[in-house]
Amino acid sequence: MADDPKLTPAEKAKVAVLVGRMCKRSIAGDHVYLTDLQRKVDRILDRARQRGTV
């Protein structure tokens, strides 16, 4: 967590929506596919990290 970048308000909102969707899917059961949403969150964090190093 210490290496997580500062997120813009728009990025925070996107991550919050995606986490909410992951939670909603998890309610359906243990064997639900979440990888697509996890990748989207990872991409948002990667872009923020790149922005922070430039």
C-alpha atoms as a PDB file:
ATOM      1  CA  MET A   1       0.000   0.000   0.000  1.00  0.00           C
ATOM      2  CA  ALA A   2       2.888   2.364   0.591  1.00  0.00           C
ATOM      3  CA  ASP A   3       3.717   2.451  -3.126  1.00  0.00           C
ATOM      4  CA  ASP A   4       0.145   3.250  -4.180  1.00  0.00           C
ATOM      5  CA  PRO A   5      -0.057   6.543  -6.055  1.00  0.00           C
ATOM      6  CA  LYS A   6      -2.193   9.578  -5.347  1.00  0.00           C
ATOM      7  CA  LEU A   7      -5.468   9.159  -7.202  1.00  0.00           C
ATOM      8  CA  THR A   8      -7.499  11.925  -8.769  1.00  0.00           C
ATOM      9  CA  PRO A   9     -11.141  12.264  -7.677  1.00  0.00           C
ATOM     10  CA  ALA A  10     -12.253  10.700 -10.981  1.00  0.00           C
ATOM     11  CA  GLU A  11      -9.930   7.726 -10.464  1.00  0.00           C
ATOM     12  CA  LYS A  12     -11.185   7.277  -6.911  1.00  0.00           C
ATOM     13  CA  ALA A  13     -14.761   7.230  -8.177  1.00  0.00           C
ATOM     14  CA  LYS A  14     -13.946   4.681 -10.895  1.00  0.00           C
ATOM     15  CA  VAL A  15     -12.170   2.401  -8.420  1.00  0.00           C
ATOM     16  CA  ALA A  16     -15.083   2.704  -5.975  1.00  0.00           C
ATOM     17  CA  VAL A  17     -17.578   1.705  -8.664  1.00  0.00           C
ATOM     18  CA  LEU A  18     -15.445  -1.244  -9.739  1.00  0.00           C
ATOM     19  CA  VAL A  19     -15.004  -2.431  -6.136  1.00  0.00           C
ATOM     20  CA  GLY A  20     -18.759  -2.165  -5.654  1.00  0.00           C
ATOM     21  CA  ARG A  21     -19.323  -4.287  -8.750  1.00  0.00           C
ATOM     22  CA  MET A  22     -16.808  -6.853  -7.456  1.00  0.00           C
ATOM     23  CA  CYS A  23     -18.658  -7.013  -4.126  1.00  0.00           C
ATOM     24  CA  LYS A  24     -21.986  -7.443  -5.874  1.00  0.00           C
ATOM     25  CA  ARG A  25     -20.588 -10.307  -7.959  1.00  0.00           C
ATOM     26  CA  SER A  26     -19.025 -11.919  -4.887  1.00  0.00           C
ATOM     27  CA  ILE A  27     -22.443 -12.117  -3.244  1.00  0.00           C
ATOM     28  CA  ALA A  28     -23.478 -14.488  -6.045  1.00  0.00           C
ATOM     29  CA  GLY A  29     -20.967 -17.097  -4.884  1.00  0.00           C
ATOM     30  CA  ASP A  30     -17.375 -18.120  -4.412  1.00  0.00           C
ATOM     31  CA  HIS A  31     -16.689 -19.162  -7.994  1.00  0.00           C
ATOM     32  CA  VAL A  32     -17.580 -15.898  -9.742  1.00  0.00           C
ATOM     33  CA  TYR A  33     -15.225 -14.392 -12.337  1.00  0.00           C
ATOM     34  CA  LEU A  34     -13.728 -11.136 -10.994  1.00  0.00           C
ATOM     35  CA  THR A  35     -10.516 -10.947 -12.997  1.00  0.00           C
ATOM     36  CA  ASP A  36     -11.897  -8.512 -15.585  1.00  0.00           C
ATOM     37  CA  LEU A  37     -12.780  -5.948 -12.927  1.00  0.00           C
ATOM     38  CA  GLN A  38      -9.507  -6.506 -11.065  1.00  0.00           C
ATOM     39  CA  ARG A  39      -7.585  -5.811 -14.282  1.00  0.00           C
ATOM     40  CA  LYS A  40      -9.468  -2.540 -14.747  1.00  0.00           C
ATOM     41  CA  VAL A  41      -8.515  -1.424 -11.234  1.00  0.00           C
ATOM     42  CA  ASP A  42      -4.906  -2.450 -11.884  1.00  0.00           C
ATOM     43  CA  ARG A  43      -4.846  -0.381 -15.083  1.00  0.00           C
ATOM     44  CA  ILE A  44      -6.136   2.684 -13.238  1.00  0.00           C
ATOM     45  CA  LEU A  45      -3.439   2.271 -10.570  1.00  0.00           C
ATOM     46  CA  ASP A  46      -0.732   1.687 -13.197  1.00  0.00           C
ATOM     47  CA  ARG A  47      -1.669   4.895 -15.040  1.00  0.00           C
ATOM     48  CA  ALA A  48      -1.594   6.827 -11.772  1.00  0.00           C
ATOM     49  CA  ARG A  49       1.855   5.405 -10.945  1.00  0.00           C
ATOM     50  CA  GLN A  50       3.158   6.396 -14.384  1.00  0.00           C
ATOM     51  CA  ARG A  51       1.745   9.868 -13.956  1.00  0.00           C
ATOM     52  CA  GLY A  52       3.489  10.164 -10.585  1.00  0.00           C
ATOM     53  CA  THR A  53       6.916   9.219 -11.957  1.00  0.00           C
ATOM     54  CA  VAL A  54       6.867  11.579 -14.933  1.00  0.00           C
END
